[in-house]
């Protein structure tokens, strides 16, 4: 029973990019376990990237009110693995937009975003 509930929580956090016209692109997805974290927060994400020949870089960002951090992972096109685990540590209190972008050599080919909240003295503590 506990495993089933945990799987549902992860599934509910799955974000799929849409192209603005309602159709889903299968380029990149963010999976996280939760929306609320306590300061100093460690946020672990699983980023699912659909392998494609023009995939060259996975850029993951945590963009907050008072803090920004990012990391980049090189991708090997269609030979790359699908799942990537990314972890940001010591996030300060505030609201964050988590962003995963897949880049080719010339542009962003797909993107997904997710919102989280980190509580603490700086966020009014809940």
N, C-alpha and C. Protein backbone atom coordinates (compact mmCIF):
# COMPACT_ATOMS: atom_id res chain seq x y z
N UNK A 1 0.82 -1.19 0.00
CA UNK A 1 0.00 0.00 0.00
C UNK A 1 0.86 1.25 0.00
N UNK A 2 1.89 1.31 0.80
CA UNK A 2 2.76 2.48 0.85
C UNK A 2 3.44 2.70 -0.49
N UNK A 3 3.91 1.65 -1.12
CA UNK A 3 4.54 1.80 -2.44
C UNK A 3 3.55 2.37 -3.46
N UNK A 4 2.32 1.92 -3.41
CA UNK A 4 1.30 2.40 -4.34
C UNK A 4 1.07 3.90 -4.16
N UNK A 5 0.97 4.37 -2.93
CA UNK A 5 0.76 5.79 -2.65
C UNK A 5 1.95 6.60 -3.13
N UNK A 6 3.16 6.12 -2.91
CA UNK A 6 4.36 6.84 -3.35
C UNK A 6 4.38 6.96 -4.88
N UNK A 7 4.02 5.91 -5.58
CA UNK A 7 3.99 5.95 -7.05
C UNK A 7 2.97 6.98 -7.52
N UNK A 8 1.81 7.05 -6.86
CA UNK A 8 0.81 8.05 -7.24
C UNK A 8 1.34 9.46 -7.03
N UNK A 9 2.07 9.70 -5.95
CA UNK A 9 2.62 11.02 -5.68
C UNK A 9 3.60 11.43 -6.78
N UNK A 10 4.45 10.51 -7.21
CA UNK A 10 5.39 10.82 -8.28
C UNK A 10 4.67 11.06 -9.60
N UNK A 11 3.63 10.26 -9.87
CA UNK A 11 2.88 10.42 -11.11
C UNK A 11 2.18 11.76 -11.14
N UNK A 12 1.66 12.22 -10.00
CA UNK A 12 0.99 13.51 -9.95
C UNK A 12 1.95 14.66 -10.21
N UNK A 13 3.23 14.45 -10.00
CA UNK A 13 4.23 15.51 -10.21
C UNK A 13 4.77 15.53 -11.63
N UNK A 14 4.30 14.67 -12.49
CA UNK A 14 4.81 14.59 -13.85
C UNK A 14 4.30 15.78 -14.66
N UNK A 15 5.21 16.50 -15.28
CA UNK A 15 4.85 17.67 -16.08
C UNK A 15 5.27 17.39 -17.52
N UNK A 16 4.36 17.63 -18.46
CA UNK A 16 4.66 17.46 -19.86
C UNK A 16 4.54 18.80 -20.56
N UNK A 17 5.52 19.15 -21.35
CA UNK A 17 5.50 20.41 -22.09
C UNK A 17 4.42 20.37 -23.16
N UNK A 18 3.68 21.46 -23.30
CA UNK A 18 2.76 21.59 -24.42
C UNK A 18 3.24 22.74 -25.29
N UNK A 19 2.86 22.71 -26.54
CA UNK A 19 3.36 23.72 -27.48
C UNK A 19 2.47 24.95 -27.56
N UNK A 20 1.54 25.11 -26.63
CA UNK A 20 0.69 26.28 -26.61
C UNK A 20 -0.60 26.09 -27.40
N UNK A 21 -0.73 25.01 -28.12
CA UNK A 21 -1.94 24.74 -28.86
C UNK A 21 -2.65 23.51 -28.32
N UNK A 22 -2.20 23.00 -27.18
CA UNK A 22 -2.87 21.89 -26.55
C UNK A 22 -2.27 20.52 -26.83
N UNK A 23 -1.41 20.41 -27.81
CA UNK A 23 -0.81 19.11 -28.08
C UNK A 23 0.45 18.94 -27.26
N UNK A 24 0.69 17.73 -26.75
CA UNK A 24 1.85 17.50 -25.89
C UNK A 24 3.06 17.11 -26.72
N UNK A 25 4.20 17.67 -26.37
CA UNK A 25 5.46 17.25 -26.95
C UNK A 25 6.08 16.27 -25.96
N UNK A 26 6.79 15.28 -26.44
CA UNK A 26 7.37 14.29 -25.54
C UNK A 26 8.86 14.51 -25.33
N UNK A 27 9.31 15.76 -25.43
CA UNK A 27 10.72 16.06 -25.34
C UNK A 27 11.33 15.93 -23.96
N UNK A 28 10.68 16.50 -22.92
CA UNK A 28 11.27 16.50 -21.59
C UNK A 28 10.16 16.58 -20.54
N UNK A 29 10.38 15.90 -19.42
CA UNK A 29 9.44 15.90 -18.30
C UNK A 29 10.22 16.00 -16.99
N UNK A 30 9.62 16.64 -15.98
CA UNK A 30 10.22 16.74 -14.65
C UNK A 30 9.38 15.91 -13.69
N UNK A 31 10.05 15.07 -12.90
CA UNK A 31 9.37 14.30 -11.86
C UNK A 31 10.00 14.66 -10.52
N UNK A 32 9.18 15.13 -9.56
CA UNK A 32 9.66 15.43 -8.22
C UNK A 32 8.70 14.80 -7.21
N UNK A 33 9.17 14.58 -6.01
CA UNK A 33 8.31 14.03 -4.96
C UNK A 33 7.98 15.11 -3.96
N UNK A 34 7.02 15.92 -4.28
CA UNK A 34 6.57 16.97 -3.39
C UNK A 34 6.63 18.34 -4.01
N UNK A 35 5.91 19.26 -3.39
CA UNK A 35 5.88 20.66 -3.83
C UNK A 35 6.40 21.60 -2.74
N UNK A 36 6.43 21.11 -1.49
CA UNK A 36 6.81 21.94 -0.35
C UNK A 36 8.00 21.31 0.36
N UNK A 37 8.99 22.15 0.66
CA UNK A 37 10.22 21.69 1.28
C UNK A 37 10.59 22.65 2.40
N UNK A 38 11.37 22.18 3.37
CA UNK A 38 11.84 23.01 4.47
C UNK A 38 13.27 23.47 4.18
N UNK A 39 13.56 24.72 4.58
CA UNK A 39 14.89 25.30 4.40
C UNK A 39 15.88 24.68 5.38
N UNK A 40 17.09 24.39 5.02
CA UNK A 40 17.70 24.41 3.69
C UNK A 40 17.27 23.17 2.91
N UNK A 41 16.67 23.36 1.79
CA UNK A 41 16.03 22.26 1.05
C UNK A 41 16.99 21.56 0.11
N UNK A 42 16.82 20.25 0.05
CA UNK A 42 17.46 19.44 -0.98
C UNK A 42 16.34 18.93 -1.87
N UNK A 43 16.37 19.31 -3.13
CA UNK A 43 15.33 18.93 -4.08
C UNK A 43 15.94 18.02 -5.12
N UNK A 44 15.43 16.79 -5.18
CA UNK A 44 15.92 15.83 -6.17
C UNK A 44 14.85 15.64 -7.23
N UNK A 45 15.27 15.70 -8.49
CA UNK A 45 14.38 15.56 -9.63
C UNK A 45 14.85 14.43 -10.53
N UNK A 46 13.92 13.81 -11.16
CA UNK A 46 14.23 12.89 -12.26
C UNK A 46 13.73 13.58 -13.51
N UNK A 47 14.65 13.81 -14.43
CA UNK A 47 14.32 14.47 -15.69
C UNK A 47 14.30 13.40 -16.78
N UNK A 48 13.15 13.26 -17.42
CA UNK A 48 12.99 12.30 -18.51
C UNK A 48 13.15 13.04 -19.83
N UNK A 49 14.15 12.65 -20.60
CA UNK A 49 14.43 13.29 -21.89
C UNK A 49 14.25 12.24 -22.98
N UNK A 50 13.37 12.54 -23.90
CA UNK A 50 13.16 11.63 -25.04
C UNK A 50 14.38 11.71 -25.95
N UNK A 51 15.11 10.60 -26.14
CA UNK A 51 16.30 10.65 -26.99
C UNK A 51 15.97 11.11 -28.41
N UNK A 52 16.78 12.03 -28.92
CA UNK A 52 16.62 12.54 -30.28
C UNK A 52 18.00 12.92 -30.81
N UNK A 53 18.18 12.82 -32.10
CA UNK A 53 19.50 13.03 -32.69
C UNK A 53 20.07 14.43 -32.45
N UNK A 54 19.21 15.45 -32.29
CA UNK A 54 19.75 16.81 -32.11
C UNK A 54 19.91 17.22 -30.64
N UNK A 55 19.63 16.34 -29.68
CA UNK A 55 19.81 16.66 -28.26
C UNK A 55 21.30 16.76 -27.92
N UNK A 56 21.74 17.92 -27.44
CA UNK A 56 23.14 18.10 -27.10
C UNK A 56 23.38 18.47 -25.63
N UNK A 57 22.41 19.17 -24.99
CA UNK A 57 22.60 19.61 -23.61
C UNK A 57 21.26 19.58 -22.88
N UNK A 58 21.31 19.13 -21.63
CA UNK A 58 20.17 19.24 -20.72
C UNK A 58 20.54 20.31 -19.70
N UNK A 59 19.80 21.40 -19.67
CA UNK A 59 20.02 22.48 -18.69
C UNK A 59 18.87 22.43 -17.69
N UNK A 60 19.21 22.36 -16.38
CA UNK A 60 18.21 22.34 -15.32
C UNK A 60 18.48 23.51 -14.39
N UNK A 61 17.43 24.29 -14.11
CA UNK A 61 17.56 25.50 -13.30
C UNK A 61 16.57 25.48 -12.14
N UNK A 62 16.96 26.08 -11.03
CA UNK A 62 16.05 26.40 -9.92
C UNK A 62 16.12 27.92 -9.80
N UNK A 63 15.06 28.59 -10.24
CA UNK A 63 15.02 30.05 -10.30
C UNK A 63 14.08 30.55 -9.22
N UNK A 64 14.65 31.15 -8.15
CA UNK A 64 13.86 31.58 -7.02
C UNK A 64 13.87 33.07 -6.79
N UNK A 65 13.11 33.49 -5.77
CA UNK A 65 13.02 34.90 -5.41
C UNK A 65 14.39 35.49 -5.08
N UNK A 66 15.18 34.77 -4.28
CA UNK A 66 16.46 35.28 -3.81
C UNK A 66 17.64 34.40 -4.16
N UNK A 67 17.41 33.37 -4.97
CA UNK A 67 18.48 32.42 -5.26
C UNK A 67 18.26 31.80 -6.63
N UNK A 68 19.34 31.56 -7.33
CA UNK A 68 19.30 30.91 -8.63
C UNK A 68 20.44 29.89 -8.67
N UNK A 69 20.15 28.70 -9.16
CA UNK A 69 21.23 27.73 -9.42
C UNK A 69 20.86 26.93 -10.66
N UNK A 70 21.88 26.43 -11.33
CA UNK A 70 21.67 25.71 -12.57
C UNK A 70 22.79 24.70 -12.77
N UNK A 71 22.50 23.72 -13.58
CA UNK A 71 23.51 22.73 -13.97
C UNK A 71 23.22 22.31 -15.41
N UNK A 72 24.24 21.86 -16.09
CA UNK A 72 24.09 21.37 -17.46
C UNK A 72 24.70 19.99 -17.58
N UNK A 73 24.02 19.13 -18.34
CA UNK A 73 24.47 17.76 -18.58
C UNK A 73 24.61 17.59 -20.09
N UNK A 74 25.78 17.18 -20.56
CA UNK A 74 25.92 16.93 -22.00
C UNK A 74 25.10 15.71 -22.42
N UNK A 75 24.47 15.79 -23.58
CA UNK A 75 23.67 14.69 -24.11
C UNK A 75 24.29 14.18 -25.41
N UNK A 76 24.11 12.89 -25.65
CA UNK A 76 24.69 12.24 -26.83
C UNK A 76 23.65 11.92 -27.89
N UNK A 77 22.73 12.85 -28.13
CA UNK A 77 21.72 12.65 -29.17
C UNK A 77 20.83 11.46 -28.91
N UNK A 78 20.57 10.67 -29.93
CA UNK A 78 19.65 9.53 -29.82
C UNK A 78 20.24 8.36 -29.04
N UNK A 79 21.55 8.39 -28.75
CA UNK A 79 22.19 7.32 -27.97
C UNK A 79 22.15 7.57 -26.47
N UNK A 80 21.60 8.70 -26.04
CA UNK A 80 21.60 9.09 -24.62
C UNK A 80 20.55 8.32 -23.84
N UNK A 81 20.83 8.10 -22.55
CA UNK A 81 19.84 7.47 -21.67
C UNK A 81 18.66 8.43 -21.50
N UNK A 82 17.51 7.89 -21.12
CA UNK A 82 16.29 8.67 -21.01
C UNK A 82 16.18 9.41 -19.68
N UNK A 83 16.58 8.80 -18.57
CA UNK A 83 16.38 9.38 -17.24
C UNK A 83 17.67 9.97 -16.67
N UNK A 84 17.57 11.16 -16.11
CA UNK A 84 18.70 11.87 -15.51
C UNK A 84 18.27 12.35 -14.13
N UNK A 85 19.08 12.06 -13.10
CA UNK A 85 18.78 12.51 -11.74
C UNK A 85 19.59 13.76 -11.44
N UNK A 86 18.89 14.82 -11.04
CA UNK A 86 19.50 16.10 -10.73
C UNK A 86 19.10 16.47 -9.31
N UNK A 87 20.05 17.01 -8.54
CA UNK A 87 19.78 17.39 -7.16
C UNK A 87 20.33 18.79 -6.90
N UNK A 88 19.49 19.65 -6.32
CA UNK A 88 19.92 20.96 -5.86
C UNK A 88 19.87 20.93 -4.34
N UNK A 89 20.96 21.34 -3.69
CA UNK A 89 21.06 21.32 -2.23
C UNK A 89 21.06 22.73 -1.67
N UNK A 90 20.63 22.84 -0.40
CA UNK A 90 20.69 24.08 0.36
C UNK A 90 19.91 25.23 -0.27
N UNK A 91 18.73 24.94 -0.84
CA UNK A 91 17.90 26.01 -1.37
C UNK A 91 17.33 26.82 -0.22
N UNK A 92 17.43 28.14 -0.32
CA UNK A 92 16.91 29.05 0.70
C UNK A 92 15.39 29.16 0.57
N UNK A 93 14.77 29.72 1.60
CA UNK A 93 13.32 29.90 1.60
C UNK A 93 12.86 30.75 0.42
N UNK A 94 11.71 30.41 -0.13
CA UNK A 94 11.13 31.18 -1.23
C UNK A 94 10.43 30.29 -2.23
N UNK A 95 9.88 30.92 -3.24
CA UNK A 95 9.22 30.20 -4.34
C UNK A 95 10.24 30.00 -5.46
N UNK A 96 10.18 28.82 -6.08
CA UNK A 96 11.13 28.48 -7.15
C UNK A 96 10.39 27.94 -8.36
N UNK A 97 10.91 28.27 -9.52
CA UNK A 97 10.50 27.63 -10.76
C UNK A 97 11.62 26.69 -11.15
N UNK A 98 11.30 25.40 -11.22
CA UNK A 98 12.26 24.41 -11.72
C UNK A 98 12.06 24.33 -13.23
N UNK A 99 13.13 24.42 -13.97
CA UNK A 99 13.05 24.44 -15.42
C UNK A 99 14.04 23.44 -16.00
N UNK A 100 13.57 22.59 -16.89
CA UNK A 100 14.44 21.66 -17.61
C UNK A 100 14.33 21.98 -19.09
N UNK A 101 15.47 22.22 -19.72
CA UNK A 101 15.49 22.54 -21.15
C UNK A 101 16.42 21.58 -21.87
N UNK A 102 15.99 21.11 -23.01
CA UNK A 102 16.84 20.30 -23.89
C UNK A 102 17.25 21.21 -25.03
N UNK A 103 18.58 21.31 -25.24
CA UNK A 103 19.10 22.21 -26.26
C UNK A 103 19.79 21.43 -27.37
N UNK A 104 19.63 21.92 -28.59
CA UNK A 104 20.42 21.42 -29.71
C UNK A 104 21.64 22.33 -29.82
N UNK A 105 22.35 22.27 -30.90
CA UNK A 105 23.51 23.17 -31.06
C UNK A 105 23.07 24.61 -31.30
N UNK A 106 21.80 24.83 -31.67
CA UNK A 106 21.38 26.19 -32.02
C UNK A 106 20.15 26.72 -31.27
N UNK A 107 19.38 25.85 -30.59
CA UNK A 107 18.16 26.34 -29.96
C UNK A 107 17.67 25.41 -28.86
N UNK A 108 16.65 25.88 -28.12
CA UNK A 108 15.96 25.05 -27.13
C UNK A 108 14.94 24.21 -27.89
N UNK A 109 15.04 22.88 -27.78
CA UNK A 109 14.13 22.01 -28.52
C UNK A 109 12.91 21.62 -27.70
N UNK A 110 13.03 21.58 -26.37
CA UNK A 110 11.89 21.31 -25.52
C UNK A 110 12.17 21.81 -24.11
N UNK A 111 11.09 22.05 -23.36
CA UNK A 111 11.23 22.63 -22.03
C UNK A 111 10.05 22.19 -21.16
N UNK A 112 10.31 22.02 -19.87
CA UNK A 112 9.25 21.73 -18.90
C UNK A 112 9.53 22.56 -17.65
N UNK A 113 8.48 22.97 -16.95
CA UNK A 113 8.64 23.73 -15.72
C UNK A 113 7.77 23.15 -14.62
N UNK A 114 8.16 23.45 -13.39
CA UNK A 114 7.45 23.00 -12.20
C UNK A 114 7.67 24.04 -11.12
N UNK A 115 6.67 24.30 -10.29
CA UNK A 115 6.77 25.28 -9.21
C UNK A 115 6.89 24.55 -7.88
N UNK A 116 7.78 25.05 -6.98
CA UNK A 116 7.90 24.51 -5.63
C UNK A 116 8.01 25.67 -4.65
N UNK A 117 7.82 25.36 -3.37
CA UNK A 117 7.94 26.35 -2.30
C UNK A 117 8.85 25.78 -1.22
N UNK A 118 9.81 26.61 -0.76
CA UNK A 118 10.70 26.23 0.34
C UNK A 118 10.35 27.13 1.52
N UNK A 119 9.97 26.54 2.64
CA UNK A 119 9.59 27.33 3.82
C UNK A 119 10.78 27.53 4.73
N UNK A 120 10.73 28.60 5.50
CA UNK A 120 11.78 28.93 6.45
C UNK A 120 11.60 30.34 6.93
N UNK A 121 12.55 30.84 7.66
CA UNK A 121 12.46 32.19 8.22
C UNK A 121 12.28 33.24 7.12
N UNK A 122 12.92 33.05 5.97
CA UNK A 122 12.82 34.01 4.88
C UNK A 122 11.49 33.98 4.14
N UNK A 123 10.68 32.94 4.34
CA UNK A 123 9.41 32.84 3.64
C UNK A 123 8.24 33.02 4.60
N UNK A 124 8.49 33.55 5.79
CA UNK A 124 7.42 33.74 6.74
C UNK A 124 7.10 32.49 7.52
N UNK A 125 7.84 31.45 7.35
CA UNK A 125 7.72 30.18 8.02
C UNK A 125 6.31 29.62 7.99
N UNK A 126 5.77 28.69 7.59
CA UNK A 126 4.35 28.35 7.61
C UNK A 126 4.11 27.57 8.83
